[in-house]
């Protein structure tokens, strides 16, 4: 995995080419896929691995092509731009409730392990516990994403924020 300083350097290269200013201390998030920094009007994410970059970009492109900016009442960041060589994606900043972070999705078919009923039941039980009374709404978002061939298998409150959902 690359260090944050390596990722930030790629974000800076991207930002300079597009006349954007990124502040290193303005990290919006980080995880095993990459790190996201804020500009004055967007978020720029640098990813560690090509495979995560490809599925994240593919997800945002599919949603953009379909004109999707929300799913079942959850905002979805709009893709602004990207750089394949730098493995950087720029997107709009959204307010909760939202769904974001598509770095661990599967495109066009679920992961092979998804056909094992025990694994799937265990995952649903864990997710139900994470989201408590909001689980049905979160599950609805995940099922809606499947209409676009996006199999979302990393639901967590930092990725699917239910703030404001009743």
N, C-alpha and C. Protein backbone atom coordinates (compact mmCIF):
# COMPACT_ATOMS: atom_id res chain seq x y z
N UNK A 1 0.83 -1.17 0.00
CA UNK A 1 0.00 0.00 0.00
C UNK A 1 0.88 1.25 0.00
N UNK A 2 0.45 2.23 -0.74
CA UNK A 2 1.23 3.46 -0.83
C UNK A 2 0.96 4.34 0.40
N UNK A 3 1.92 5.18 0.72
CA UNK A 3 1.76 6.09 1.85
C UNK A 3 0.85 7.25 1.45
N UNK A 4 0.32 7.93 2.47
CA UNK A 4 -0.50 9.10 2.19
C UNK A 4 0.28 10.17 1.44
N UNK A 5 1.56 10.30 1.72
CA UNK A 5 2.33 11.33 1.02
C UNK A 5 2.44 11.00 -0.47
N UNK A 6 2.56 9.73 -0.82
CA UNK A 6 2.59 9.34 -2.23
C UNK A 6 1.23 9.61 -2.89
N UNK A 7 0.16 9.26 -2.19
CA UNK A 7 -1.17 9.51 -2.73
C UNK A 7 -1.41 11.01 -2.88
N UNK A 8 -1.01 11.78 -1.87
CA UNK A 8 -1.20 13.23 -1.92
C UNK A 8 -0.43 13.85 -3.08
N UNK A 9 0.75 13.34 -3.37
CA UNK A 9 1.52 13.87 -4.50
C UNK A 9 0.76 13.65 -5.81
N UNK A 10 0.13 12.48 -5.97
CA UNK A 10 -0.67 12.24 -7.19
C UNK A 10 -1.87 13.17 -7.25
N UNK A 11 -2.51 13.38 -6.12
CA UNK A 11 -3.65 14.31 -6.06
C UNK A 11 -3.18 15.72 -6.43
N UNK A 12 -2.02 16.12 -5.92
CA UNK A 12 -1.48 17.45 -6.24
C UNK A 12 -1.19 17.58 -7.73
N UNK A 13 -0.61 16.55 -8.34
CA UNK A 13 -0.34 16.59 -9.79
C UNK A 13 -1.64 16.79 -10.55
N UNK A 14 -2.64 16.00 -10.19
CA UNK A 14 -3.96 16.10 -10.82
C UNK A 14 -4.52 17.51 -10.65
N UNK A 15 -4.49 18.00 -9.40
CA UNK A 15 -5.07 19.30 -9.08
C UNK A 15 -4.37 20.43 -9.84
N UNK A 16 -3.06 20.40 -9.89
CA UNK A 16 -2.31 21.45 -10.61
C UNK A 16 -2.72 21.49 -12.08
N UNK A 17 -2.91 20.34 -12.69
CA UNK A 17 -3.28 20.28 -14.11
C UNK A 17 -4.68 20.85 -14.35
N UNK A 18 -5.48 20.93 -13.29
CA UNK A 18 -6.87 21.40 -13.43
C UNK A 18 -7.15 22.68 -12.64
N UNK A 19 -6.08 23.36 -12.24
CA UNK A 19 -6.19 24.61 -11.49
C UNK A 19 -7.05 24.48 -10.24
N UNK A 20 -6.82 23.42 -9.50
CA UNK A 20 -7.50 23.21 -8.23
C UNK A 20 -6.47 23.32 -7.11
N UNK A 21 -6.94 23.69 -5.95
CA UNK A 21 -6.06 23.76 -4.78
C UNK A 21 -6.55 22.75 -3.76
N UNK A 22 -5.64 21.88 -3.34
CA UNK A 22 -5.93 20.85 -2.35
C UNK A 22 -5.08 21.14 -1.13
N UNK A 23 -5.70 21.05 0.03
CA UNK A 23 -4.98 21.25 1.28
C UNK A 23 -4.76 19.89 1.92
N UNK A 24 -3.49 19.56 2.19
CA UNK A 24 -3.16 18.24 2.73
C UNK A 24 -3.91 17.95 4.02
N UNK A 25 -4.14 18.96 4.83
CA UNK A 25 -4.82 18.76 6.11
C UNK A 25 -6.34 18.59 5.95
N UNK A 26 -6.85 18.75 4.75
CA UNK A 26 -8.29 18.66 4.52
C UNK A 26 -8.67 17.28 3.98
N UNK A 27 -8.25 16.25 4.68
CA UNK A 27 -8.59 14.88 4.30
C UNK A 27 -10.06 14.64 4.61
N UNK A 28 -10.80 14.15 3.63
CA UNK A 28 -12.21 13.83 3.85
C UNK A 28 -12.39 12.39 4.33
N UNK A 29 -11.44 11.55 3.99
CA UNK A 29 -11.55 10.15 4.38
C UNK A 29 -10.36 9.36 3.90
N UNK A 30 -10.22 8.18 4.46
CA UNK A 30 -9.15 7.28 4.05
C UNK A 30 -9.55 5.87 4.41
N UNK A 31 -8.93 4.93 3.75
CA UNK A 31 -9.21 3.53 4.02
C UNK A 31 -8.27 2.65 3.24
N UNK A 32 -8.62 1.39 3.14
CA UNK A 32 -7.74 0.45 2.46
C UNK A 32 -7.70 0.66 0.94
N UNK A 33 -8.69 1.38 0.39
CA UNK A 33 -8.71 1.65 -1.05
C UNK A 33 -7.88 2.86 -1.44
N UNK A 34 -7.89 3.89 -0.59
CA UNK A 34 -7.20 5.13 -0.92
C UNK A 34 -7.55 6.22 0.07
N UNK A 35 -7.23 7.45 -0.31
CA UNK A 35 -7.46 8.61 0.53
C UNK A 35 -8.11 9.70 -0.30
N UNK A 36 -8.98 10.49 0.36
CA UNK A 36 -9.73 11.55 -0.32
C UNK A 36 -9.39 12.89 0.32
N UNK A 37 -9.10 13.87 -0.53
CA UNK A 37 -8.85 15.23 -0.06
C UNK A 37 -9.89 16.16 -0.66
N UNK A 38 -10.08 17.28 0.01
CA UNK A 38 -11.06 18.28 -0.39
C UNK A 38 -10.39 19.43 -1.13
N UNK A 39 -11.07 19.90 -2.16
CA UNK A 39 -10.72 21.17 -2.79
C UNK A 39 -11.82 22.14 -2.36
N UNK A 40 -11.83 23.33 -2.92
CA UNK A 40 -12.87 24.29 -2.54
C UNK A 40 -14.27 23.82 -2.95
N UNK A 41 -14.34 23.00 -4.00
CA UNK A 41 -15.66 22.61 -4.47
C UNK A 41 -15.77 21.16 -4.94
N UNK A 42 -14.80 20.32 -4.55
CA UNK A 42 -14.87 18.92 -4.96
C UNK A 42 -14.05 18.05 -4.01
N UNK A 43 -14.11 16.75 -4.26
CA UNK A 43 -13.30 15.79 -3.52
C UNK A 43 -12.46 15.03 -4.54
N UNK A 44 -11.19 14.80 -4.20
CA UNK A 44 -10.30 14.07 -5.09
C UNK A 44 -9.76 12.87 -4.34
N UNK A 45 -9.97 11.70 -4.93
CA UNK A 45 -9.54 10.45 -4.30
C UNK A 45 -8.43 9.82 -5.11
N UNK A 46 -7.35 9.46 -4.40
CA UNK A 46 -6.26 8.70 -5.01
C UNK A 46 -6.35 7.28 -4.48
N UNK A 47 -6.31 6.32 -5.38
CA UNK A 47 -6.45 4.92 -4.98
C UNK A 47 -5.11 4.19 -4.99
N UNK A 48 -5.01 3.20 -4.14
CA UNK A 48 -3.78 2.42 -4.01
C UNK A 48 -3.57 1.44 -5.16
N UNK A 49 -4.65 0.77 -5.56
CA UNK A 49 -4.54 -0.34 -6.52
C UNK A 49 -5.39 -0.09 -7.78
N UNK A 50 -4.86 -0.54 -8.89
CA UNK A 50 -5.56 -0.40 -10.18
C UNK A 50 -6.94 -1.05 -10.13
N UNK A 51 -7.05 -2.23 -9.53
CA UNK A 51 -8.34 -2.93 -9.51
C UNK A 51 -9.40 -2.11 -8.78
N UNK A 52 -9.04 -1.47 -7.67
CA UNK A 52 -10.00 -0.64 -6.95
C UNK A 52 -10.35 0.62 -7.75
N UNK A 53 -9.34 1.20 -8.38
CA UNK A 53 -9.58 2.37 -9.23
C UNK A 53 -10.56 2.02 -10.35
N UNK A 54 -10.33 0.88 -11.00
CA UNK A 54 -11.16 0.49 -12.15
C UNK A 54 -12.62 0.30 -11.75
N UNK A 55 -12.88 -0.37 -10.64
CA UNK A 55 -14.29 -0.61 -10.26
C UNK A 55 -14.94 0.67 -9.72
N UNK A 56 -14.17 1.50 -9.03
CA UNK A 56 -14.74 2.76 -8.54
C UNK A 56 -15.08 3.67 -9.71
N UNK A 57 -14.14 3.84 -10.63
CA UNK A 57 -14.41 4.67 -11.80
C UNK A 57 -15.55 4.09 -12.62
N UNK A 58 -15.54 2.78 -12.84
CA UNK A 58 -16.62 2.14 -13.60
C UNK A 58 -17.98 2.37 -12.97
N UNK A 59 -18.05 2.34 -11.66
CA UNK A 59 -19.32 2.58 -10.96
C UNK A 59 -19.79 4.01 -11.19
N UNK A 60 -18.90 4.98 -10.97
CA UNK A 60 -19.28 6.38 -11.16
C UNK A 60 -19.65 6.67 -12.61
N UNK A 61 -18.95 6.05 -13.55
CA UNK A 61 -19.30 6.26 -14.96
C UNK A 61 -20.67 5.69 -15.29
N UNK A 62 -20.99 4.52 -14.79
CA UNK A 62 -22.31 3.92 -15.03
C UNK A 62 -23.42 4.81 -14.46
N UNK A 63 -23.20 5.25 -13.24
CA UNK A 63 -24.22 6.08 -12.60
C UNK A 63 -24.37 7.42 -13.32
N UNK A 64 -23.25 8.00 -13.75
CA UNK A 64 -23.30 9.26 -14.49
C UNK A 64 -24.02 9.08 -15.83
N UNK A 65 -23.72 8.00 -16.54
CA UNK A 65 -24.35 7.74 -17.83
C UNK A 65 -25.86 7.58 -17.69
N UNK A 66 -26.30 7.07 -16.54
CA UNK A 66 -27.73 6.89 -16.28
C UNK A 66 -28.36 8.13 -15.66
N UNK A 67 -27.56 9.18 -15.45
CA UNK A 67 -28.08 10.42 -14.87
C UNK A 67 -28.44 10.29 -13.40
N UNK A 68 -27.80 9.36 -12.71
CA UNK A 68 -28.12 9.11 -11.31
C UNK A 68 -27.31 10.03 -10.41
N UNK A 69 -28.02 10.80 -9.57
CA UNK A 69 -27.34 11.58 -8.54
C UNK A 69 -27.89 11.24 -7.15
N UNK A 70 -28.86 10.32 -7.12
CA UNK A 70 -29.41 9.83 -5.86
C UNK A 70 -30.03 8.46 -6.11
N UNK A 71 -29.97 7.62 -5.08
CA UNK A 71 -30.58 6.29 -5.14
C UNK A 71 -31.40 6.11 -3.87
N UNK A 72 -32.69 5.95 -4.06
CA UNK A 72 -33.59 5.72 -2.93
C UNK A 72 -33.43 6.76 -1.83
N UNK A 73 -33.21 8.02 -2.22
CA UNK A 73 -33.08 9.10 -1.25
C UNK A 73 -31.67 9.31 -0.72
N UNK A 74 -30.69 8.53 -1.18
CA UNK A 74 -29.30 8.68 -0.79
C UNK A 74 -28.54 9.36 -1.92
N UNK A 75 -27.88 10.48 -1.62
CA UNK A 75 -27.11 11.19 -2.64
C UNK A 75 -25.93 10.33 -3.10
N UNK A 76 -25.61 10.44 -4.37
CA UNK A 76 -24.45 9.77 -4.97
C UNK A 76 -23.58 10.88 -5.57
N UNK A 77 -22.29 10.93 -5.21
CA UNK A 77 -21.44 11.97 -5.79
C UNK A 77 -21.40 11.88 -7.32
N UNK A 78 -21.45 13.03 -7.95
CA UNK A 78 -21.34 13.10 -9.41
C UNK A 78 -19.86 13.07 -9.78
N UNK A 79 -19.54 12.25 -10.77
CA UNK A 79 -18.17 12.17 -11.29
C UNK A 79 -17.85 13.48 -12.01
N UNK A 80 -16.76 14.11 -11.63
CA UNK A 80 -16.34 15.35 -12.28
C UNK A 80 -15.27 15.06 -13.33
N UNK A 81 -14.24 14.31 -12.94
CA UNK A 81 -13.15 14.00 -13.85
C UNK A 81 -12.30 12.90 -13.23
N UNK A 82 -11.31 12.44 -13.96
CA UNK A 82 -10.42 11.39 -13.46
C UNK A 82 -9.14 11.38 -14.27
N UNK A 83 -8.14 10.69 -13.75
CA UNK A 83 -6.89 10.51 -14.46
C UNK A 83 -6.47 9.06 -14.26
N UNK A 84 -6.51 8.29 -15.35
CA UNK A 84 -6.18 6.86 -15.26
C UNK A 84 -4.73 6.61 -14.88
N UNK A 85 -3.80 7.41 -15.39
CA UNK A 85 -2.39 7.20 -15.07
C UNK A 85 -2.11 7.45 -13.59
N UNK A 86 -2.73 8.48 -13.03
CA UNK A 86 -2.53 8.81 -11.62
C UNK A 86 -3.43 8.00 -10.69
N UNK A 87 -4.41 7.31 -11.25
CA UNK A 87 -5.43 6.57 -10.48
C UNK A 87 -6.12 7.51 -9.47
N UNK A 88 -6.64 8.60 -10.03
CA UNK A 88 -7.29 9.64 -9.25
C UNK A 88 -8.68 9.89 -9.82
N UNK A 89 -9.65 10.05 -8.92
CA UNK A 89 -11.02 10.34 -9.31
C UNK A 89 -11.48 11.60 -8.58
N UNK A 90 -12.06 12.53 -9.34
CA UNK A 90 -12.62 13.74 -8.74
C UNK A 90 -14.14 13.64 -8.79
N UNK A 91 -14.76 13.96 -7.68
CA UNK A 91 -16.21 13.88 -7.58
C UNK A 91 -16.75 15.05 -6.77
N UNK A 92 -18.04 15.25 -6.89
CA UNK A 92 -18.64 16.31 -6.09
C UNK A 92 -18.75 15.85 -4.64
N UNK A 93 -18.87 16.82 -3.77
CA UNK A 93 -19.08 16.55 -2.35
C UNK A 93 -20.57 16.52 -2.11
N UNK A 94 -21.04 15.50 -1.41
CA UNK A 94 -22.47 15.37 -1.12
C UNK A 94 -22.70 15.39 0.38
N UNK A 95 -23.92 15.71 0.75
CA UNK A 95 -24.33 15.74 2.15
C UNK A 95 -25.16 14.50 2.45
N UNK A 96 -25.15 14.06 3.70
CA UNK A 96 -25.96 12.89 4.08
C UNK A 96 -27.45 13.18 3.90
N UNK A 97 -28.18 12.13 3.68
CA UNK A 97 -27.77 10.75 3.51
C UNK A 97 -27.10 10.54 2.15
N UNK A 98 -26.06 9.70 2.13
CA UNK A 98 -25.34 9.44 0.89
C UNK A 98 -24.82 8.01 0.85
N UNK A 99 -24.47 7.60 -0.38
CA UNK A 99 -23.74 6.35 -0.63
C UNK A 99 -22.53 6.72 -1.48
N UNK A 100 -21.36 6.27 -1.06
CA UNK A 100 -20.13 6.55 -1.80
C UNK A 100 -19.13 5.44 -1.55
N UNK A 101 -17.96 5.59 -2.08
CA UNK A 101 -16.87 4.62 -1.97
C UNK A 101 -17.21 3.30 -2.66
N UNK A 102 -16.93 3.27 -3.94
CA UNK A 102 -17.22 2.10 -4.77
C UNK A 102 -15.96 1.29 -5.07
N UNK A 103 -14.94 1.42 -4.24
CA UNK A 103 -13.66 0.75 -4.48
C UNK A 103 -13.66 -0.75 -4.25
N UNK A 104 -14.69 -1.25 -3.58
CA UNK A 104 -14.73 -2.70 -3.31
C UNK A 104 -15.93 -3.38 -3.95
N UNK A 105 -16.57 -2.71 -4.88
CA UNK A 105 -17.73 -3.31 -5.53
C UNK A 105 -17.29 -4.38 -6.53
N UNK A 106 -18.26 -5.13 -6.97
CA UNK A 106 -18.07 -6.06 -8.08
C UNK A 106 -18.97 -5.56 -9.20
N UNK A 107 -18.44 -5.53 -10.41
CA UNK A 107 -19.22 -5.06 -11.55
C UNK A 107 -19.73 -6.24 -12.36
N UNK A 108 -20.99 -6.16 -12.71
CA UNK A 108 -21.68 -7.09 -13.61
C UNK A 108 -22.04 -8.44 -13.01
N UNK A 109 -21.37 -8.87 -11.98
CA UNK A 109 -21.77 -10.11 -11.31
C UNK A 109 -21.26 -10.06 -9.87
N UNK A 110 -22.01 -10.68 -8.97
CA UNK A 110 -21.57 -10.67 -7.57
C UNK A 110 -20.32 -11.52 -7.40
N UNK A 111 -19.64 -11.35 -6.28
CA UNK A 111 -18.47 -12.19 -6.04
C UNK A 111 -18.89 -13.66 -5.95
N UNK A 112 -17.99 -14.55 -6.29
CA UNK A 112 -18.30 -15.99 -6.29
C UNK A 112 -18.81 -16.46 -4.94
N UNK A 113 -18.25 -15.94 -3.87
CA UNK A 113 -18.68 -16.37 -2.53
C UNK A 113 -20.11 -15.99 -2.21
N UNK A 114 -20.70 -15.09 -2.99
CA UNK A 114 -22.06 -14.60 -2.74
C UNK A 114 -23.11 -15.70 -2.92
N UNK A 115 -22.75 -16.75 -3.63
CA UNK A 115 -23.69 -17.86 -3.83
C UNK A 115 -23.75 -18.81 -2.65
N UNK A 116 -22.88 -18.65 -1.68
CA UNK A 116 -22.89 -19.48 -0.47
C UNK A 116 -23.90 -18.87 0.51
N UNK A 117 -25.02 -19.55 0.77
CA UNK A 117 -26.07 -18.98 1.62
C UNK A 117 -25.58 -18.63 3.03
N UNK A 118 -24.68 -19.42 3.57
CA UNK A 118 -24.20 -19.14 4.93
C UNK A 118 -23.38 -17.84 4.97
N UNK A 119 -22.51 -17.67 3.98
CA UNK A 119 -21.71 -16.44 3.91
C UNK A 119 -22.62 -15.23 3.75
N UNK A 120 -23.58 -15.36 2.86
CA UNK A 120 -24.49 -14.24 2.61
C UNK A 120 -25.33 -13.92 3.85
N UNK A 121 -25.84 -14.95 4.51
CA UNK A 121 -26.63 -14.73 5.73
C UNK A 121 -25.79 -14.08 6.82
N UNK A 122 -24.54 -14.52 6.96
CA UNK A 122 -23.65 -13.90 7.96
C UNK A 122 -23.40 -12.43 7.64
N UNK A 123 -23.18 -12.13 6.37
CA UNK A 123 -22.95 -10.74 5.96
C UNK A 123 -24.17 -9.89 6.27
N UNK A 124 -25.36 -10.37 5.88
CA UNK A 124 -26.58 -9.61 6.15
C UNK A 124 -26.80 -9.40 7.65
N UNK A 125 -26.50 -10.39 8.44
CA UNK A 125 -26.66 -10.26 9.90
C UNK A 125 -25.72 -9.17 10.44
N UNK A 126 -24.49 -9.16 9.97
CA UNK A 126 -23.53 -8.14 10.40
C UNK A 126 -23.98 -6.75 9.97
N UNK A 127 -24.42 -6.64 8.72
CA UNK A 127 -24.84 -5.34 8.20
C UNK A 127 -26.11 -4.87 8.90
N UNK A 128 -27.03 -5.76 9.16
CA UNK A 128 -28.26 -5.42 9.87
C UNK A 128 -27.92 -4.82 11.24
N UNK A 129 -26.94 -5.41 11.90
CA UNK A 129 -26.51 -4.91 13.20
C UNK A 129 -25.86 -3.53 13.07
N UNK A 130 -25.06 -3.34 12.04
CA UNK A 130 -24.39 -2.05 11.82
C UNK A 130 -25.39 -0.91 11.63
N UNK A 131 -26.43 -1.19 10.86
CA UNK A 131 -27.35 -0.13 10.47
C UNK A 131 -28.64 -0.10 11.26
N UNK A 132 -28.85 -1.09 12.08
CA UNK A 132 -29.98 -1.15 13.00
C UNK A 132 -31.29 -0.81 12.28
N UNK A 133 -31.99 0.20 12.74
CA UNK A 133 -33.32 0.50 12.18
C UNK A 133 -33.26 1.01 10.74
N UNK A 134 -32.08 1.35 10.25
CA UNK A 134 -31.94 1.84 8.87
C UNK A 134 -31.55 0.74 7.89
N UNK A 135 -31.42 -0.50 8.37
CA UNK A 135 -30.95 -1.58 7.51
C UNK A 135 -31.81 -1.77 6.27
N UNK A 136 -33.12 -1.71 6.40
CA UNK A 136 -33.98 -1.94 5.23
C UNK A 136 -33.72 -0.90 4.15
N UNK A 137 -33.51 0.35 4.53
CA UNK A 137 -33.20 1.41 3.56
C UNK A 137 -31.83 1.15 2.89
N UNK A 138 -30.85 0.76 3.70
CA UNK A 138 -29.52 0.48 3.17
C UNK A 138 -29.57 -0.71 2.22
N UNK A 139 -30.28 -1.75 2.62
CA UNK A 139 -30.43 -2.93 1.75
C UNK A 139 -31.10 -2.53 0.44
N UNK A 140 -32.08 -1.63 0.52
CA UNK A 140 -32.75 -1.15 -0.69
C UNK A 140 -31.79 -0.45 -1.64
N UNK A 141 -30.89 0.36 -1.08
CA UNK A 141 -29.88 1.04 -1.90
C UNK A 141 -28.98 0.01 -2.57
N UNK A 142 -28.55 -0.99 -1.81
CA UNK A 142 -27.68 -2.02 -2.37
C UNK A 142 -28.37 -2.78 -3.50
N UNK A 143 -29.63 -3.11 -3.32
CA UNK A 143 -30.36 -3.81 -4.37
C UNK A 143 -30.59 -2.91 -5.58
N UNK A 144 -30.84 -1.62 -5.34
CA UNK A 144 -31.01 -0.69 -6.46
C UNK A 144 -29.72 -0.55 -7.27
N UNK A 145 -28.58 -0.57 -6.61
CA UNK A 145 -27.30 -0.50 -7.33
C UNK A 145 -27.12 -1.69 -8.26
N UNK A 146 -27.67 -2.83 -7.88
CA UNK A 146 -27.53 -4.03 -8.71
C UNK A 146 -28.19 -3.85 -10.09
N UNK A 147 -29.19 -2.97 -10.19
CA UNK A 147 -29.80 -2.68 -11.50
C UNK A 147 -28.79 -2.10 -12.47
N UNK A 148 -27.73 -1.50 -11.94
CA UNK A 148 -26.67 -0.93 -12.77
C UNK A 148 -25.47 -1.87 -12.87
N UNK A 149 -25.62 -3.10 -12.37
CA UNK A 149 -24.53 -4.07 -12.39
C UNK A 149 -23.47 -3.78 -11.35
N UNK A 150 -23.85 -3.05 -10.29
CA UNK A 150 -22.92 -2.69 -9.22
C UNK A 150 -23.31 -3.49 -7.98
N UNK A 151 -22.46 -4.41 -7.58
CA UNK A 151 -22.71 -5.25 -6.40
C UNK A 151 -21.88 -4.67 -5.24
N UNK A 152 -22.57 -3.99 -4.36
CA UNK A 152 -21.95 -3.26 -3.25
C UNK A 152 -21.79 -4.19 -2.07
N UNK A 153 -20.57 -4.54 -1.72
CA UNK A 153 -20.35 -5.53 -0.66
C UNK A 153 -19.56 -4.96 0.52
N UNK A 154 -19.51 -3.64 0.63
CA UNK A 154 -18.79 -3.00 1.74
C UNK A 154 -19.64 -1.93 2.41
N UNK A 155 -20.87 -2.29 2.80
CA UNK A 155 -21.69 -1.26 3.44
C UNK A 155 -21.22 -1.02 4.88
N UNK A 156 -20.88 0.19 5.15
CA UNK A 156 -20.51 0.61 6.50
C UNK A 156 -20.98 2.05 6.65
N UNK A 157 -21.21 2.49 7.86
CA UNK A 157 -21.74 3.85 8.05
C UNK A 157 -20.90 4.96 7.44
N UNK A 158 -19.60 4.77 7.28
CA UNK A 158 -18.79 5.80 6.63
C UNK A 158 -19.02 5.85 5.12
N UNK A 159 -19.51 4.76 4.54
CA UNK A 159 -19.78 4.69 3.10
C UNK A 159 -21.25 4.93 2.76
N UNK A 160 -22.12 4.52 3.63
CA UNK A 160 -23.56 4.73 3.44
C UNK A 160 -24.04 5.43 4.71
N UNK A 161 -24.08 6.75 4.63
CA UNK A 161 -24.45 7.58 5.78
C UNK A 161 -25.96 7.74 5.81
N UNK A 162 -26.58 7.32 6.88
CA UNK A 162 -28.05 7.36 6.99
C UNK A 162 -28.55 8.59 7.74
N UNK A 163 -27.67 9.53 8.04
CA UNK A 163 -28.09 10.74 8.75
C UNK A 163 -29.23 11.42 7.99
N UNK A 164 -30.30 11.71 8.69
CA UNK A 164 -31.44 12.37 8.08
C UNK A 164 -32.49 11.44 7.53
N UNK A 165 -32.22 10.13 7.52
CA UNK A 165 -33.21 9.16 7.05
C UNK A 165 -34.18 8.87 8.20
N UNK A 166 -35.43 8.84 7.87
CA UNK A 166 -36.43 8.54 8.93
C UNK A 166 -36.90 7.13 8.85
